[in-house]
Amino acid sequence: RHARRASVRVIVERTAQRTVRLAVADLSRTGPVPCLPGLNE
């Protein structure tokens, strides 16, 4: 929805015995902004 360019990179890493890191890389430098949507949104 928010990135630019034609592709994204999905990365799945096991950083410790019981820990997994999921990541998505894209070419936009605009960071994610958590929001509080209204009840009807």
PDB file of all heavy atoms in Angstrom:
ATOM      1  N   ARG A   1       0.803  -1.220   0.000  1.00  0.00           N
ATOM      2  CA  ARG A   1       0.000   0.000   0.000  1.00  0.00           C
ATOM      3  C   ARG A   1       0.842   1.279   0.000  1.00  0.00           C
ATOM      4  O   ARG A   1       0.490   2.255  -0.654  1.00  0.00           O
ATOM      5  CB  ARG A   1      -0.914  -0.001   1.216  1.00  0.00           C
ATOM      6  CG  ARG A   1      -1.821   1.181   1.232  1.00  0.00           C
ATOM      7  CD  ARG A   1      -2.867   1.043   2.268  1.00  0.00           C
ATOM      8  NE  ARG A   1      -3.752   2.188   2.164  1.00  0.00           N
ATOM      9  CZ  ARG A   1      -4.851   2.332   2.823  1.00  0.00           C
ATOM     10  NH1 ARG A   1      -5.235   1.383   3.638  1.00  0.00           N
ATOM     11  NH2 ARG A   1      -5.585   3.395   2.687  1.00  0.00           N
ATOM     12  N   HIS A   2       1.946   1.284   0.738  1.00  0.00           N
ATOM     13  CA  HIS A   2       2.656   2.542   0.969  1.00  0.00           C
ATOM     14  C   HIS A   2       4.023   2.659   0.295  1.00  0.00           C
ATOM     15  O   HIS A   2       4.567   3.762   0.238  1.00  0.00           O
ATOM     16  CB  HIS A   2       2.840   2.756   2.473  1.00  0.00           C
ATOM     17  CG  HIS A   2       1.549   2.842   3.211  1.00  0.00           C
ATOM     18  ND1 HIS A   2       0.677   3.899   3.069  1.00  0.00           N
ATOM     19  CD2 HIS A   2       0.956   1.977   4.072  1.00  0.00           C
ATOM     20  CE1 HIS A   2      -0.380   3.698   3.831  1.00  0.00           C
ATOM     21  NE2 HIS A   2      -0.241   2.533   4.450  1.00  0.00           N
ATOM     22  N   ALA A   3       4.597   1.572  -0.167  1.00  0.00           N
ATOM     23  CA  ALA A   3       5.958   1.627  -0.720  1.00  0.00           C
ATOM     24  C   ALA A   3       5.952   2.127  -2.159  1.00  0.00           C
ATOM     25  O   ALA A   3       4.898   2.343  -2.756  1.00  0.00           O
ATOM     26  CB  ALA A   3       6.597   0.243  -0.641  1.00  0.00           C
ATOM     27  N   ARG A   4       7.153   2.288  -2.666  1.00  0.00           N
ATOM     28  CA  ARG A   4       7.331   2.653  -4.068  1.00  0.00           C
ATOM     29  C   ARG A   4       8.046   1.508  -4.761  1.00  0.00           C
ATOM     30  O   ARG A   4       8.504   0.581  -4.126  1.00  0.00           O
ATOM     31  CB  ARG A   4       8.180   3.915  -4.175  1.00  0.00           C
ATOM     32  CG  ARG A   4       7.569   5.091  -3.466  1.00  0.00           C
ATOM     33  CD  ARG A   4       8.409   6.322  -3.629  1.00  0.00           C
ATOM     34  NE  ARG A   4       9.827   6.043  -3.407  1.00  0.00           N
ATOM     35  CZ  ARG A   4      10.693   6.885  -2.923  1.00  0.00           C
ATOM     36  NH1 ARG A   4      10.307   8.076  -2.602  1.00  0.00           N
ATOM     37  NH2 ARG A   4      11.949   6.570  -2.762  1.00  0.00           N
ATOM     38  N   ARG A   5       8.135   1.598  -6.024  1.00  0.00           N
ATOM     39  CA  ARG A   5       8.806   0.622  -6.882  1.00  0.00           C
ATOM     40  C   ARG A   5       7.954  -0.632  -7.044  1.00  0.00           C
ATOM     41  O   ARG A   5       6.886  -0.765  -6.486  1.00  0.00           O
ATOM     42  CB  ARG A   5      10.203   0.294  -6.390  1.00  0.00           C
ATOM     43  CG  ARG A   5      11.106   1.494  -6.230  1.00  0.00           C
ATOM     44  CD  ARG A   5      11.617   1.971  -7.580  1.00  0.00           C
ATOM     45  NE  ARG A   5      12.324   3.221  -7.475  1.00  0.00           N
ATOM     46  CZ  ARG A   5      13.628   3.337  -7.549  1.00  0.00           C
ATOM     47  NH1 ARG A   5      14.383   2.280  -7.716  1.00  0.00           N
ATOM     48  NH2 ARG A   5      14.180   4.526  -7.448  1.00  0.00           N
ATOM     49  N   ALA A   6       8.495  -1.585  -7.790  1.00  0.00           N
ATOM     50  CA  ALA A   6       7.687  -2.721  -8.227  1.00  0.00           C
ATOM     51  C   ALA A   6       7.785  -3.959  -7.340  1.00  0.00           C
ATOM     52  O   ALA A   6       7.038  -4.903  -7.540  1.00  0.00           O
ATOM     53  CB  ALA A   6       8.071  -3.094  -9.658  1.00  0.00           C
ATOM     54  N   SER A   7       8.709  -3.975  -6.366  1.00  0.00           N
ATOM     55  CA  SER A   7       8.873  -5.209  -5.593  1.00  0.00           C
ATOM     56  C   SER A   7       9.156  -4.917  -4.124  1.00  0.00           C
ATOM     57  O   SER A   7       9.510  -3.800  -3.749  1.00  0.00           O
ATOM     58  CB  SER A   7      10.008  -6.059  -6.181  1.00  0.00           C
ATOM     59  OG  SER A   7      11.235  -5.387  -6.068  1.00  0.00           O
ATOM     60  N   VAL A   8       8.988  -5.965  -3.318  1.00  0.00           N
ATOM     61  CA  VAL A   8       9.347  -5.943  -1.895  1.00  0.00           C
ATOM     62  C   VAL A   8      10.128  -7.227  -1.624  1.00  0.00           C
ATOM     63  O   VAL A   8      10.019  -8.200  -2.360  1.00  0.00           O
ATOM     64  CB  VAL A   8       8.106  -5.867  -0.968  1.00  0.00           C
ATOM     65  CG1 VAL A   8       7.336  -4.587  -1.213  1.00  0.00           C
ATOM     66  CG2 VAL A   8       7.206  -7.072  -1.132  1.00  0.00           C
ATOM     67  N   ARG A   9      10.905  -7.216  -0.566  1.00  0.00           N
ATOM     68  CA  ARG A   9      11.677  -8.409  -0.192  1.00  0.00           C
ATOM     69  C   ARG A   9      11.189  -8.882   1.157  1.00  0.00           C
ATOM     70  O   ARG A   9      11.161  -8.112   2.126  1.00  0.00           O
ATOM     71  CB  ARG A   9      13.163  -8.082  -0.117  1.00  0.00           C
ATOM     72  CG  ARG A   9      14.015  -9.285   0.162  1.00  0.00           C
ATOM     73  CD  ARG A   9      14.909  -9.554  -1.026  1.00  0.00           C
ATOM     74  NE  ARG A   9      15.706 -10.752  -0.830  1.00  0.00           N
ATOM     75  CZ  ARG A   9      15.669 -11.766  -1.667  1.00  0.00           C
ATOM     76  NH1 ARG A   9      14.890 -11.721  -2.722  1.00  0.00           N
ATOM     77  NH2 ARG A   9      16.420 -12.815  -1.482  1.00  0.00           N
ATOM     78  N   VAL A  10      10.798 -10.144   1.244  1.00  0.00           N
ATOM     79  CA  VAL A  10      10.349 -10.758   2.488  1.00  0.00           C
ATOM     80  C   VAL A  10      11.502 -11.599   3.031  1.00  0.00           C
ATOM     81  O   VAL A  10      12.108 -12.385   2.297  1.00  0.00           O
ATOM     82  CB  VAL A  10       9.100 -11.632   2.258  1.00  0.00           C
ATOM     83  CG1 VAL A  10       8.678 -12.317   3.541  1.00  0.00           C
ATOM     84  CG2 VAL A  10       7.966 -10.799   1.686  1.00  0.00           C
ATOM     85  N   ILE A  11      11.790 -11.414   4.310  1.00  0.00           N
ATOM     86  CA  ILE A  11      12.921 -12.087   4.944  1.00  0.00           C
ATOM     87  C   ILE A  11      12.428 -12.810   6.203  1.00  0.00           C
ATOM     88  O   ILE A  11      11.706 -12.222   7.008  1.00  0.00           O
ATOM     89  CB  ILE A  11      14.018 -11.065   5.332  1.00  0.00           C
ATOM     90  CG1 ILE A  11      14.443 -10.267   4.095  1.00  0.00           C
ATOM     91  CG2 ILE A  11      15.210 -11.759   5.986  1.00  0.00           C
ATOM     92  CD1 ILE A  11      14.793  -8.849   4.375  1.00  0.00           C
ATOM     93  N   VAL A  12      12.822 -14.065   6.352  1.00  0.00           N
ATOM     94  CA  VAL A  12      12.463 -14.859   7.526  1.00  0.00           C
ATOM     95  C   VAL A  12      13.767 -15.380   8.119  1.00  0.00           C
ATOM     96  O   VAL A  12      14.508 -16.117   7.462  1.00  0.00           O
ATOM     97  CB  VAL A  12      11.542 -16.041   7.153  1.00  0.00           C
ATOM     98  CG1 VAL A  12      11.095 -16.776   8.402  1.00  0.00           C
ATOM     99  CG2 VAL A  12      10.354 -15.580   6.333  1.00  0.00           C
ATOM    100  N   GLU A  13      14.046 -14.980   9.354  1.00  0.00           N
ATOM    101  CA  GLU A  13      15.287 -15.376  10.011  1.00  0.00           C
ATOM    102  C   GLU A  13      14.995 -15.971  11.379  1.00  0.00           C
ATOM    103  O   GLU A  13      14.084 -15.520  12.063  1.00  0.00           O
ATOM    104  CB  GLU A  13      16.201 -14.168  10.212  1.00  0.00           C
ATOM    105  CG  GLU A  13      16.627 -13.488   8.942  1.00  0.00           C
ATOM    106  CD  GLU A  13      17.445 -12.256   9.212  1.00  0.00           C
ATOM    107  OE1 GLU A  13      16.931 -11.339   9.879  1.00  0.00           O
ATOM    108  OE2 GLU A  13      18.595 -12.215   8.769  1.00  0.00           O
ATOM    109  N   ARG A  14      15.791 -16.914  11.750  1.00  0.00           N
ATOM    110  CA  ARG A  14      15.718 -17.479  13.097  1.00  0.00           C
ATOM    111  C   ARG A  14      16.872 -16.867  13.875  1.00  0.00           C
ATOM    112  O   ARG A  14      18.025 -17.216  13.671  1.00  0.00           O
ATOM    113  CB  ARG A  14      15.837 -18.999  13.032  1.00  0.00           C
ATOM    114  CG  ARG A  14      15.601 -19.673  14.352  1.00  0.00           C
ATOM    115  CD  ARG A  14      15.586 -21.173  14.145  1.00  0.00           C
ATOM    116  NE  ARG A  14      15.362 -21.863  15.396  1.00  0.00           N
ATOM    117  CZ  ARG A  14      15.382 -23.184  15.498  1.00  0.00           C
ATOM    118  NH1 ARG A  14      15.605 -23.933  14.430  1.00  0.00           N
ATOM    119  NH2 ARG A  14      15.165 -23.756  16.662  1.00  0.00           N
ATOM    120  N   THR A  15      16.558 -15.934  14.733  1.00  0.00           N
ATOM    121  CA  THR A  15      17.602 -15.176  15.422  1.00  0.00           C
ATOM    122  C   THR A  15      18.068 -15.836  16.713  1.00  0.00           C
ATOM    123  O   THR A  15      19.111 -15.472  17.247  1.00  0.00           O
ATOM    124  CB  THR A  15      17.120 -13.745  15.716  1.00  0.00           C
ATOM    125  OG1 THR A  15      15.928 -13.817  16.494  1.00  0.00           O
ATOM    126  CG2 THR A  15      16.857 -12.991  14.425  1.00  0.00           C
ATOM    127  N   ALA A  16      17.293 -16.766  17.225  1.00  0.00           N
ATOM    128  CA  ALA A  16      17.646 -17.541  18.419  1.00  0.00           C
ATOM    129  C   ALA A  16      16.879 -18.859  18.344  1.00  0.00           C
ATOM    130  O   ALA A  16      16.052 -19.060  17.456  1.00  0.00           O
ATOM    131  CB  ALA A  16      17.297 -16.775  19.692  1.00  0.00           C
ATOM    132  N   GLN A  17      17.139 -19.740  19.287  1.00  0.00           N
ATOM    133  CA  GLN A  17      16.527 -21.067  19.262  1.00  0.00           C
ATOM    134  C   GLN A  17      15.011 -21.016  19.095  1.00  0.00           C
ATOM    135  O   GLN A  17      14.447 -21.789  18.349  1.00  0.00           O
ATOM    136  CB  GLN A  17      16.897 -21.830  20.542  1.00  0.00           C
ATOM    137  CG  GLN A  17      16.504 -23.280  20.526  1.00  0.00           C
ATOM    138  CD  GLN A  17      17.295 -24.096  19.516  1.00  0.00           C
ATOM    139  OE1 GLN A  17      18.435 -23.786  19.189  1.00  0.00           O
ATOM    140  NE2 GLN A  17      16.692 -25.146  18.994  1.00  0.00           N
ATOM    141  N   ARG A  18      14.337 -20.098  19.790  1.00  0.00           N
ATOM    142  CA  ARG A  18      12.869 -20.032  19.758  1.00  0.00           C
ATOM    143  C   ARG A  18      12.356 -18.682  19.252  1.00  0.00           C
ATOM    144  O   ARG A  18      11.220 -18.311  19.506  1.00  0.00           O
ATOM    145  CB  ARG A  18      12.311 -20.288  21.159  1.00  0.00           C
ATOM    146  CG  ARG A  18      12.758 -21.581  21.826  1.00  0.00           C
ATOM    147  CD  ARG A  18      12.225 -22.836  21.204  1.00  0.00           C
ATOM    148  NE  ARG A  18      10.790 -22.919  21.347  1.00  0.00           N
ATOM    149  CZ  ARG A  18      10.011 -23.713  20.612  1.00  0.00           C
ATOM    150  NH1 ARG A  18      10.528 -24.475  19.704  1.00  0.00           N
ATOM    151  NH2 ARG A  18       8.721 -23.735  20.807  1.00  0.00           N
ATOM    152  N   THR A  19      13.202 -17.911  18.549  1.00  0.00           N
ATOM    153  CA  THR A  19      12.817 -16.584  18.074  1.00  0.00           C
ATOM    154  C   THR A  19      12.951 -16.484  16.562  1.00  0.00           C
ATOM    155  O   THR A  19      13.964 -16.882  15.997  1.00  0.00           O
ATOM    156  CB  THR A  19      13.683 -15.501  18.735  1.00  0.00           C
ATOM    157  OG1 THR A  19      13.588 -15.634  20.151  1.00  0.00           O
ATOM    158  CG2 THR A  19      13.224 -14.108  18.332  1.00  0.00           C
ATOM    159  N   VAL A  20      11.930 -15.933  15.944  1.00  0.00           N
ATOM    160  CA  VAL A  20      11.906 -15.737  14.500  1.00  0.00           C
ATOM    161  C   VAL A  20      11.682 -14.260  14.212  1.00  0.00           C
ATOM    162  O   VAL A  20      10.866 -13.610  14.868  1.00  0.00           O
ATOM    163  CB  VAL A  20      10.769 -16.575  13.857  1.00  0.00           C
ATOM    164  CG1 VAL A  20      10.628 -16.273  12.386  1.00  0.00           C
ATOM    165  CG2 VAL A  20      11.038 -18.053  14.076  1.00  0.00           C
ATOM    166  N   ARG A  21      12.426 -13.750  13.253  1.00  0.00           N
ATOM    167  CA  ARG A  21      12.248 -12.364  12.811  1.00  0.00           C
ATOM    168  C   ARG A  21      11.682 -12.388  11.395  1.00  0.00           C
ATOM    169  O   ARG A  21      12.249 -13.005  10.506  1.00  0.00           O
ATOM    170  CB  ARG A  21      13.565 -11.604  12.822  1.00  0.00           C
ATOM    171  CG  ARG A  21      13.423 -10.172  12.296  1.00  0.00           C
ATOM    172  CD  ARG A  21      14.736  -9.455  12.309  1.00  0.00           C
ATOM    173  NE  ARG A  21      14.878  -8.801  13.588  1.00  0.00           N
ATOM    174  CZ  ARG A  21      15.408  -7.590  13.734  1.00  0.00           C
ATOM    175  NH1 ARG A  21      15.857  -6.924  12.701  1.00  0.00           N
ATOM    176  NH2 ARG A  21      15.494  -7.052  14.927  1.00  0.00           N
ATOM    177  N   LEU A  22      10.549 -11.730  11.229  1.00  0.00           N
ATOM    178  CA  LEU A  22       9.913 -11.571   9.924  1.00  0.00           C
ATOM    179  C   LEU A  22      10.140 -10.135   9.500  1.00  0.00           C
ATOM    180  O   LEU A  22       9.957  -9.213  10.302  1.00  0.00           O
ATOM    181  CB  LEU A  22       8.411 -11.828  10.030  1.00  0.00           C
ATOM    182  CG  LEU A  22       8.007 -13.118  10.734  1.00  0.00           C
ATOM    183  CD1 LEU A  22       6.508 -13.144  10.956  1.00  0.00           C
ATOM    184  CD2 LEU A  22       8.457 -14.311   9.928  1.00  0.00           C
ATOM    185  N   ALA A  23      10.545  -9.934   8.259  1.00  0.00           N
ATOM    186  CA  ALA A  23      10.835  -8.581   7.806  1.00  0.00           C
ATOM    187  C   ALA A  23      10.397  -8.394   6.364  1.00  0.00           C
ATOM    188  O   ALA A  23      10.382  -9.347   5.577  1.00  0.00           O
ATOM    189  CB  ALA A  23      12.327  -8.298   7.934  1.00  0.00           C
ATOM    190  N   VAL A  24      10.048  -7.145   6.062  1.00  0.00           N
ATOM    191  CA  VAL A  24       9.717  -6.772   4.691  1.00  0.00           C
ATOM    192  C   VAL A  24      10.521  -5.515   4.363  1.00  0.00           C
ATOM    193  O   VAL A  24      10.414  -4.503   5.061  1.00  0.00           O
ATOM    194  CB  VAL A  24       8.209  -6.527   4.499  1.00  0.00           C
ATOM    195  CG1 VAL A  24       7.924  -6.042   3.085  1.00  0.00           C
ATOM    196  CG2 VAL A  24       7.422  -7.808   4.781  1.00  0.00           C
ATOM    197  N   ALA A  25      11.328  -5.619   3.326  1.00  0.00           N
ATOM    198  CA  ALA A  25      12.151  -4.495   2.879  1.00  0.00           C
ATOM    199  C   ALA A  25      11.515  -3.890   1.633  1.00  0.00           C
ATOM    200  O   ALA A  25      11.035  -4.612   0.758  1.00  0.00           O
ATOM    201  CB  ALA A  25      13.561  -4.977   2.564  1.00  0.00           C
ATOM    202  N   ASP A  26      11.524  -2.558   1.585  1.00  0.00           N
ATOM    203  CA  ASP A  26      11.038  -1.872   0.384  1.00  0.00           C
ATOM    204  C   ASP A  26      11.865  -0.622   0.159  1.00  0.00           C
ATOM    205  O   ASP A  26      12.672  -0.238   0.998  1.00  0.00           O
ATOM    206  CB  ASP A  26       9.533  -1.567   0.478  1.00  0.00           C
ATOM    207  CG  ASP A  26       9.189  -0.573   1.554  1.00  0.00           C
ATOM    208  OD1 ASP A  26       9.643   0.587   1.465  1.00  0.00           O
ATOM    209  OD2 ASP A  26       8.454  -0.928   2.482  1.00  0.00           O
ATOM    210  N   LEU A  27      11.670   0.007  -0.970  1.00  0.00           N
ATOM    211  CA  LEU A  27      12.509   1.128  -1.372  1.00  0.00           C
ATOM    212  C   LEU A  27      11.950   2.491  -0.988  1.00  0.00           C
ATOM    213  O   LEU A  27      12.419   3.509  -1.482  1.00  0.00           O
ATOM    214  CB  LEU A  27      12.759   1.058  -2.881  1.00  0.00           C
ATOM    215  CG  LEU A  27      13.489  -0.216  -3.319  1.00  0.00           C
ATOM    216  CD1 LEU A  27      13.626  -0.262  -4.832  1.00  0.00           C
ATOM    217  CD2 LEU A  27      14.846  -0.319  -2.660  1.00  0.00           C
ATOM    218  N   SER A  28      10.987   2.528  -0.107  1.00  0.00           N
ATOM    219  CA  SER A  28      10.470   3.796   0.405  1.00  0.00           C
ATOM    220  C   SER A  28      11.114   4.068   1.753  1.00  0.00           C
ATOM    221  O   SER A  28      11.260   3.170   2.575  1.00  0.00           O
ATOM    222  CB  SER A  28       8.947   3.717   0.572  1.00  0.00           C
ATOM    223  OG  SER A  28       8.480   4.830   1.287  1.00  0.00           O
ATOM    224  N   ARG A  29      11.475   5.313   1.996  1.00  0.00           N
ATOM    225  CA  ARG A  29      12.074   5.646   3.288  1.00  0.00           C
ATOM    226  C   ARG A  29      11.044   6.181   4.277  1.00  0.00           C
ATOM    227  O   ARG A  29      11.390   6.571   5.384  1.00  0.00           O
ATOM    228  CB  ARG A  29      13.222   6.622   3.090  1.00  0.00           C
ATOM    229  CG  ARG A  29      14.332   5.951   2.307  1.00  0.00           C
ATOM    230  CD  ARG A  29      15.656   6.584   2.385  1.00  0.00           C
ATOM    231  NE  ARG A  29      15.653   8.024   2.292  1.00  0.00           N
ATOM    232  CZ  ARG A  29      16.730   8.759   2.304  1.00  0.00           C
ATOM    233  NH1 ARG A  29      17.900   8.193   2.394  1.00  0.00           N
ATOM    234  NH2 ARG A  29      16.674  10.053   2.222  1.00  0.00           N
ATOM    235  N   THR A  30       9.795   6.168   3.910  1.00  0.00           N
ATOM    236  CA  THR A  30       8.734   6.595   4.812  1.00  0.00           C
ATOM    237  C   THR A  30       8.413   5.447   5.761  1.00  0.00           C
ATOM    238  O   THR A  30       8.026   4.359   5.333  1.00  0.00           O
ATOM    239  CB  THR A  30       7.464   6.992   4.030  1.00  0.00           C
ATOM    240  OG1 THR A  30       7.811   8.022   3.109  1.00  0.00           O
ATOM    241  CG2 THR A  30       6.381   7.472   4.963  1.00  0.00           C
ATOM    242  N   GLY A  31       8.588   5.686   7.048  1.00  0.00           N
ATOM    243  CA  GLY A  31       8.391   4.642   8.050  1.00  0.00           C
ATOM    244  C   GLY A  31       6.927   4.400   8.369  1.00  0.00           C
ATOM    245  O   GLY A  31       6.060   5.221   8.060  1.00  0.00           O
ATOM    246  N   PRO A  32       6.649   3.265   8.985  1.00  0.00           N
ATOM    247  CA  PRO A  32       5.272   2.944   9.367  1.00  0.00           C
ATOM    248  C   PRO A  32       4.802   3.842  10.510  1.00  0.00           C
ATOM    249  O   PRO A  32       5.593   4.214  11.380  1.00  0.00           O
ATOM    250  CB  PRO A  32       5.350   1.484   9.805  1.00  0.00           C
ATOM    251  CG  PRO A  32       6.765   1.298  10.237  1.00  0.00           C
ATOM    252  CD  PRO A  32       7.593   2.230   9.396  1.00  0.00           C
ATOM    253  N   VAL A  33       3.531   4.168  10.494  1.00  0.00           N
ATOM    254  CA  VAL A  33       2.949   5.021  11.526  1.00  0.00           C
ATOM    255  C   VAL A  33       1.725   4.310  12.098  1.00  0.00           C
ATOM    256  O   VAL A  33       0.695   4.215  11.434  1.00  0.00           O
ATOM    257  CB  VAL A  33       2.535   6.400  10.955  1.00  0.00           C
ATOM    258  CG1 VAL A  33       1.913   7.255  12.041  1.00  0.00           C
ATOM    259  CG2 VAL A  33       3.722   7.093  10.322  1.00  0.00           C
ATOM    260  N   PRO A  34       1.831   3.784  13.323  1.00  0.00           N
ATOM    261  CA  PRO A  34       0.654   3.159  13.937  1.00  0.00           C
ATOM    262  C   PRO A  34      -0.433   4.216  14.160  1.00  0.00           C
ATOM    263  O   PRO A  34      -0.131   5.370  14.464  1.00  0.00           O
ATOM    264  CB  PRO A  34       1.172   2.643  15.281  1.00  0.00           C
ATOM    265  CG  PRO A  34       2.657   2.631  15.152  1.00  0.00           C
ATOM    266  CD  PRO A  34       3.007   3.696  14.166  1.00  0.00           C
ATOM    267  N   CYS A  35      -1.652   3.826  13.968  1.00  0.00           N
ATOM    268  CA  CYS A  35      -2.748   4.765  14.194  1.00  0.00           C
ATOM    269  C   CYS A  35      -3.878   4.063  14.940  1.00  0.00           C
ATOM    270  O   CYS A  35      -3.891   2.845  15.073  1.00  0.00           O
ATOM    271  CB  CYS A  35      -3.244   5.333  12.867  1.00  0.00           C
ATOM    272  SG  CYS A  35      -3.868   4.099  11.724  1.00  0.00           S
ATOM    273  N   LEU A  36      -4.790   4.859  15.449  1.00  0.00           N
ATOM    274  CA  LEU A  36      -5.968   4.332  16.127  1.00  0.00           C
ATOM    275  C   LEU A  36      -7.185   4.656  15.263  1.00  0.00           C
ATOM    276  O   LEU A  36      -7.710   5.767  15.319  1.00  0.00           O
ATOM    277  CB  LEU A  36      -6.116   4.954  17.514  1.00  0.00           C
ATOM    278  CG  LEU A  36      -5.040   4.560  18.519  1.00  0.00           C
ATOM    279  CD1 LEU A  36      -5.181   5.374  19.796  1.00  0.00           C
ATOM    280  CD2 LEU A  36      -5.125   3.083  18.818  1.00  0.00           C
ATOM    281  N   PRO A  37      -7.614   3.700  14.454  1.00  0.00           N
ATOM    282  CA  PRO A  37      -8.750   3.956  13.569  1.00  0.00           C
ATOM    283  C   PRO A  37     -10.055   4.036  14.359  1.00  0.00           C
ATOM    284  O   PRO A  37     -10.170   3.499  15.460  1.00  0.00           O
ATOM    285  CB  PRO A  37      -8.748   2.754  12.637  1.00  0.00           C
ATOM    286  CG  PRO A  37      -8.095   1.675  13.430  1.00  0.00           C
ATOM    287  CD  PRO A  37      -7.091   2.366  14.307  1.00  0.00           C
ATOM    288  N   GLY A  38     -11.014   4.701  13.772  1.00  0.00           N
ATOM    289  CA  GLY A  38     -12.341   4.770  14.379  1.00  0.00           C
ATOM    290  C   GLY A  38     -13.022   3.413  14.330  1.00  0.00           C
ATOM    291  O   GLY A  38     -12.608   2.507  13.599  1.00  0.00           O
ATOM    292  N   LEU A  39     -14.080   3.267  15.092  1.00  0.00           N
ATOM    293  CA  LEU A  39     -14.794   1.991  15.164  1.00  0.00           C
ATOM    294  C   LEU A  39     -15.343   1.536  13.823  1.00  0.00           C
ATOM    295  O   LEU A  39     -15.429   0.342  13.554  1.00  0.00           O
ATOM    296  CB  LEU A  39     -15.937   2.092  16.177  1.00  0.00           C
ATOM    297  CG  LEU A  39     -15.513   2.241  17.635  1.00  0.00           C
ATOM    298  CD1 LEU A  39     -16.728   2.459  18.521  1.00  0.00           C
ATOM    299  CD2 LEU A  39     -14.734   1.025  18.079  1.00  0.00           C
ATOM    300  N   ASN A  40     -15.732   2.460  12.976  1.00  0.00           N
ATOM    301  CA  ASN A  40     -16.337   2.103  11.699  1.00  0.00           C
ATOM    302  C   ASN A  40     -15.343   2.034  10.549  1.00  0.00           C
ATOM    303  O   ASN A  40     -15.723   1.709   9.436  1.00  0.00           O
ATOM    304  CB  ASN A  40     -17.458   3.088  11.356  1.00  0.00           C
ATOM    305  CG  ASN A  40     -18.599   2.992  12.336  1.00  0.00           C
ATOM    306  OD1 ASN A  40     -18.897   1.906  12.848  1.00  0.00           O
ATOM    307  ND2 ASN A  40     -19.226   4.110  12.633  1.00  0.00           N
ATOM    308  N   GLU A  41     -14.084   2.340  10.805  1.00  0.00           N
ATOM    309  CA  GLU A  41     -13.080   2.278   9.747  1.00  0.00           C
ATOM    310  C   GLU A  41     -12.649   0.838   9.527  1.00  0.00           C
ATOM    311  O   GLU A  41     -12.480   0.071  10.469  1.00  0.00           O
ATOM    312  CB  GLU A  41     -11.881   3.151  10.111  1.00  0.00           C
ATOM    313  CG  GLU A  41     -12.233   4.631  10.122  1.00  0.00           C
ATOM    314  CD  GLU A  41     -11.036   5.490  10.433  1.00  0.00           C
ATOM    315  OE1 GLU A  41      -9.976   5.287   9.804  1.00  0.00           O
ATOM    316  OE2 GLU A  41     -11.158   6.359  11.306  1.00  0.00           O
TER     317      GLU A  41
END
